[in-house]
Protein backbone atom coordinates (compact mmCIF):
# COMPACT_ATOMS: atom_id res chain seq x y z
CA MET A 1 13.48 -14.04 -4.66
CA ASP A 2 13.22 -17.69 -3.61
CA GLU A 3 13.06 -19.90 -6.74
CA ALA A 4 10.31 -22.18 -5.43
CA PHE A 5 8.23 -19.14 -4.50
CA GLU A 6 8.87 -17.50 -7.88
CA LYS A 7 7.73 -20.62 -9.76
CA ARG A 8 4.29 -20.43 -8.18
CA LEU A 9 3.63 -16.81 -9.09
CA PRO A 10 1.55 -15.94 -12.18
CA LYS A 11 3.71 -14.70 -15.06
CA PRO A 12 3.26 -11.73 -17.42
CA GLU A 13 1.48 -12.63 -20.63
CA GLU A 14 -0.06 -11.03 -23.69
CA LEU A 15 -3.66 -10.30 -22.73
CA ASN A 16 -6.77 -10.01 -24.84
CA ALA A 17 -8.53 -6.67 -24.47
CA MET A 18 -11.42 -7.91 -22.33
CA THR A 19 -9.15 -9.91 -20.01
CA LYS A 20 -6.82 -6.93 -19.63
CA GLU A 21 -9.75 -4.68 -18.75
CA SER A 22 -11.03 -7.25 -16.24
CA LEU A 23 -7.65 -7.64 -14.56
CA ALA A 24 -7.19 -3.87 -14.38
CA ALA A 25 -10.57 -3.55 -12.65
CA ALA A 26 -9.70 -6.43 -10.31
CA PHE A 27 -6.37 -4.81 -9.48
CA ALA A 28 -8.12 -1.57 -8.57
CA GLY A 29 -10.72 -3.41 -6.50
CA GLU A 30 -8.18 -5.50 -4.57
CA SER A 31 -6.01 -2.43 -3.91
CA GLN A 32 -8.97 -0.46 -2.59
CA ALA A 33 -10.13 -3.36 -0.45
CA ALA A 34 -6.68 -3.73 1.10
CA GLU A 35 -6.64 -0.08 2.15
CA LYS A 36 -10.22 -0.15 3.42
CA TYR A 37 -9.46 -3.17 5.58
CA LEU A 38 -6.51 -1.38 7.18
CA VAL A 39 -8.74 1.56 8.03
CA TRP A 40 -11.41 -0.79 9.40
CA ALA A 41 -8.73 -2.58 11.44
CA ASP A 42 -7.90 0.69 13.18
CA GLN A 43 -11.62 1.23 13.82
CA ALA A 44 -12.02 -2.26 15.26
CA GLU A 45 -9.09 -1.65 17.58
CA GLU A 46 -10.58 1.62 18.76
CA GLU A 47 -13.85 -0.18 19.53
CA GLY A 48 -12.04 -2.81 21.60
CA PHE A 49 -11.91 -5.69 19.08
CA PRO A 50 -8.15 -6.34 18.69
CA ASN A 51 -8.59 -9.78 17.17
CA VAL A 52 -11.01 -8.49 14.54
CA ALA A 53 -8.42 -5.79 13.83
CA LYS A 54 -5.79 -8.50 13.37
CA LEU A 55 -8.08 -10.34 10.97
CA PHE A 56 -8.70 -7.19 8.91
CA ARG A 57 -4.94 -6.58 8.66
CA ALA A 58 -4.22 -10.17 7.64
CA ILE A 59 -6.88 -10.14 4.93
CA SER A 60 -5.68 -6.72 3.79
CA PHE A 61 -2.29 -8.30 3.23
CA ALA A 62 -3.94 -11.14 1.29
CA GLU A 63 -5.67 -8.60 -0.95
CA THR A 64 -2.31 -6.97 -1.70
CA ARG A 65 -1.01 -10.35 -2.84
CA HIS A 66 -3.97 -10.65 -5.22
CA ALA A 67 -3.36 -7.13 -6.51
CA ARG A 68 0.33 -7.85 -7.05
CA ASN A 69 -0.44 -11.02 -8.97
CA HIS A 70 -2.82 -9.12 -11.27
CA LEU A 71 -0.23 -6.37 -11.80
CA ARG A 72 2.43 -8.93 -12.60
CA VAL A 73 0.28 -10.66 -15.23
CA MET A 74 -0.51 -7.26 -16.81
CA GLY A 75 3.22 -6.56 -17.14
CA GLY A 76 3.01 -3.67 -14.70
CA ILE A 77 6.30 -4.39 -12.93
CA GLY A 78 9.32 -3.06 -14.79
CA SER A 79 12.80 -1.93 -13.89
CA THR A 80 13.11 0.56 -11.05
CA ALA A 81 13.75 3.36 -13.55
CA ASP A 82 10.66 2.36 -15.53
CA ASN A 83 8.59 2.07 -12.37
CA LEU A 84 9.69 5.54 -11.25
CA ALA A 85 8.75 6.94 -14.67
CA ALA A 86 5.31 5.31 -14.42
CA ALA A 87 4.89 6.64 -10.87
CA PHE A 88 5.78 10.14 -12.08
CA GLY A 89 3.20 9.80 -14.85
CA GLY A 90 0.52 8.79 -12.38
CA GLU A 91 1.29 11.68 -10.05
CA SER A 92 1.35 14.09 -13.00
CA PHE A 93 -2.13 12.99 -14.08
CA GLU A 94 -3.44 13.52 -10.55
CA VAL A 95 -1.81 16.97 -10.26
CA ASP A 96 -2.54 18.27 -13.75
CA GLU A 97 -5.95 16.78 -14.52
CA MET A 98 -7.70 14.63 -11.94
CA TYR A 99 -7.57 16.61 -8.71
CA PRO A 100 -8.08 20.08 -10.26
CA ALA A 101 -11.28 18.81 -11.91
CA TYR A 102 -12.45 17.07 -8.73
CA HIS A 103 -11.67 20.19 -6.72
CA GLU A 104 -13.84 22.41 -8.91
CA VAL A 105 -16.79 20.01 -8.75
CA ALA A 106 -16.59 19.68 -4.96
CA LYS A 107 -16.22 23.45 -4.55
CA LEU A 108 -19.16 24.14 -6.87
CA GLN A 109 -21.35 21.72 -4.91
CA GLY A 110 -20.32 23.15 -1.55
CA ASN A 111 -18.68 19.97 -0.25
CA ASN A 112 -16.05 21.66 1.89
CA GLN A 113 -14.62 18.55 3.52
CA ALA A 114 -14.13 16.96 0.11
CA VAL A 115 -12.32 20.13 -0.97
CA ARG A 116 -10.07 19.85 2.07
CA SER A 117 -9.28 16.19 1.36
CA ILE A 118 -8.55 16.92 -2.30
CA ASN A 119 -6.29 19.87 -1.43
CA TYR A 120 -4.29 17.72 0.98
CA ALA A 121 -3.77 15.11 -1.72
CA LEU A 122 -3.04 17.58 -4.52
CA ARG A 123 -0.31 19.43 -2.65
CA SER A 124 1.33 16.19 -1.57
CA GLU A 125 1.28 14.75 -5.09
CA VAL A 126 3.25 17.77 -6.34
CA ASP A 127 5.98 16.85 -3.86
CA HIS A 128 5.85 13.21 -4.96
CA LYS A 129 6.48 14.23 -8.58
CA GLY A 130 9.69 15.97 -7.58
CA GLN A 131 10.79 13.12 -5.34
CA TYR A 132 10.23 10.55 -8.08
CA THR A 133 12.13 12.71 -10.57
CA THR A 134 15.14 12.99 -8.27
CA ALA A 135 15.05 9.26 -7.54
CA ARG A 136 14.89 8.32 -11.24
CA GLU A 137 17.81 10.58 -12.11
CA ALA A 138 19.88 8.82 -9.44
CA VAL A 139 18.83 5.35 -10.63
CA LEU A 140 19.61 6.15 -14.29
CA ALA A 141 23.08 7.19 -13.13
CA GLY A 142 23.45 3.83 -11.39
CA ASN A 143 22.99 5.21 -7.89
CA ASP A 144 20.52 4.82 -5.07
CA ILE A 145 19.05 7.91 -3.44
CA GLY A 146 20.56 9.17 -0.20
CA ASP A 147 20.04 7.20 3.00
CA GLN A 148 17.69 9.64 4.70
CA ALA A 149 14.52 9.22 6.70
CA VAL A 150 11.28 9.59 4.74
CA SER A 151 8.40 10.86 6.87
CA VAL A 152 4.70 11.32 6.16
CA CYS A 153 2.15 13.54 7.89
CA LEU A 154 -0.62 11.34 9.26
CA VAL A 155 -3.21 14.05 8.60
CA CYS A 156 -2.58 15.16 5.02
CA GLY A 157 0.12 12.89 3.59
CA HIS A 158 2.81 15.58 3.26
CA THR A 159 5.96 13.61 2.48
CA VAL A 160 9.37 14.90 3.49
CA ILE A 161 12.84 13.46 2.99
CA GLY A 162 15.22 14.34 5.81
CA ASP A 163 14.29 16.47 8.78
CA VAL A 164 10.63 16.74 9.76
CA PRO A 165 9.30 20.32 10.03
CA ASP A 166 8.02 21.62 13.35
CA LYS A 167 4.65 22.14 11.67
CA CYS A 168 3.22 20.60 8.53
CA PRO A 169 3.21 23.22 5.76
CA TYR A 170 -0.04 21.86 4.32
CA CYS A 171 -2.31 21.15 7.28
CA ALA A 172 -0.41 22.76 10.20
CA ALA A 173 -0.21 19.47 12.12
CA ALA A 174 2.48 19.38 14.79
CA LYS A 175 5.77 17.55 14.29
CA GLU A 176 4.68 14.55 16.35
CA TYR A 177 2.00 13.74 13.77
CA TYR A 178 4.61 12.61 11.25
CA ARG A 179 5.37 8.93 10.86
CA THR A 180 8.84 7.98 9.65
CA VAL A 181 9.02 5.05 7.24
CA GLY A 182 11.50 2.69 8.83
CA PHE A 183 12.60 -0.91 8.64
CA LEU A 184 10.32 -3.24 6.69
CA ARG A 185 10.99 -6.94 7.24
CA PRO A 186 11.82 -8.76 3.96
CA THR A 187 9.77 -11.82 3.06
CA ASP A 188 12.93 -13.69 2.00
CA ALA A 189 13.95 -15.79 5.01
CA LYS A 190 17.72 -15.25 4.70
CA ALA A 191 17.40 -11.53 4.11
CA ALA A 192 14.92 -11.27 6.98
CA GLN A 193 17.27 -13.09 9.36
CA LYS A 194 20.18 -10.84 8.38
CA GLY A 195 17.99 -7.76 8.84
CA ASP A 196 16.76 -9.02 12.21
CA GLU A 197 20.31 -9.47 13.43
CA GLU A 198 21.39 -6.03 12.21
CA MET A 199 18.36 -4.35 13.77
CA GLY A 200 18.63 -6.28 17.03
CA PHE A 201 15.27 -8.01 16.64
CA PRO A 202 14.80 -11.45 18.28
CA PRO A 203 14.98 -14.43 15.90
CA VAL A 204 11.74 -15.65 14.33
CA GLU A 205 10.98 -19.10 15.71
CA ASP A 206 8.11 -20.03 13.37
CA LEU A 207 7.40 -18.72 9.88
CA PHE A 208 4.18 -20.13 8.42
CA THR A 209 3.12 -20.41 4.78
CA ALA A 210 -0.31 -21.03 3.27
CA GLU A 211 0.62 -24.72 2.91
CA ASP A 212 1.30 -24.94 6.64
CA LEU A 213 -2.27 -23.76 7.23
CA GLY A 214 -3.81 -26.31 4.87
CA GLY A 215 -3.52 -24.46 1.55
CA TRP A 216 -5.46 -21.53 0.09
CA ASP A 217 -8.68 -23.54 -0.38
CA ALA A 218 -8.76 -24.42 3.31
CA ILE A 219 -7.91 -20.87 4.32
CA ASP A 220 -10.66 -19.51 2.06
CA THR A 221 -13.20 -21.84 3.66
CA GLU A 222 -12.07 -21.14 7.22
CA VAL A 223 -11.99 -17.37 6.68
CA PHE A 224 -14.76 -16.59 4.16
CA GLY A 225 -17.01 -19.65 4.34
CA THR A 226 -20.45 -19.52 5.96
CA GLU A 227 -18.83 -20.46 9.29
CA GLY A 228 -15.56 -18.65 8.54
CA VAL A 229 -13.96 -16.32 11.06
CA PHE A 230 -14.35 -13.25 8.84
CA THR A 231 -18.00 -14.10 8.14
CA GLN A 232 -18.73 -14.55 11.84
CA ALA A 233 -16.88 -11.37 12.80
CA PHE A 234 -18.78 -9.40 10.16
CA GLU A 235 -22.13 -10.78 11.29
CA ALA A 236 -21.29 -10.03 14.93
CA ALA A 237 -20.34 -6.46 14.05
CA GLN A 238 -23.63 -6.05 12.17
CA GLY A 239 -25.55 -7.18 15.26
């Protein structure tokens, strides 16, 4: 990571109980907001507002930066092996405790669509547990996992490494409803340029930072202020 960039990031520290609880809640809130904004971006695009969609996606990315900073301060970023173990633990909780309990409540109350959504998630999380286990075993042995495509069903989240099935085993969606996770452009300029060249992408002519746009205070005012673009877009959408 770029040294100048790294210097500006918040660092892990020993937290008092109340601060730790506050940061954990903020991390959850920022993470949820980021995902909601991506969903709302798709909705805006469907309604014919591509620039509002772009704004939602940009602010979603900003929320992920906030979430990452909170996670960093809480000491939530470890080695890859440690991160895989934590991911396995999270999936295990969802599979063994959280989703079974949620499923029974939704079923008892006759909320069939909630049951469907929970079942989609539960079955996929079981797969994730196995995938994280295999990945951690490789990492502990000093190896990366195999260079295979990883694809996700857009309907239910079924995650498959390697060949995509003709039909999703969990929701019966056709093969074309899978999205393969491909090349993600690094934020490091040198790594990004190397990746662009290898992938045949055109060179990036301009790469802006927050400072180029006047700093975070200016961006906050221009985006979220009473006359900010997000505020105006929201008010316009509300009619």
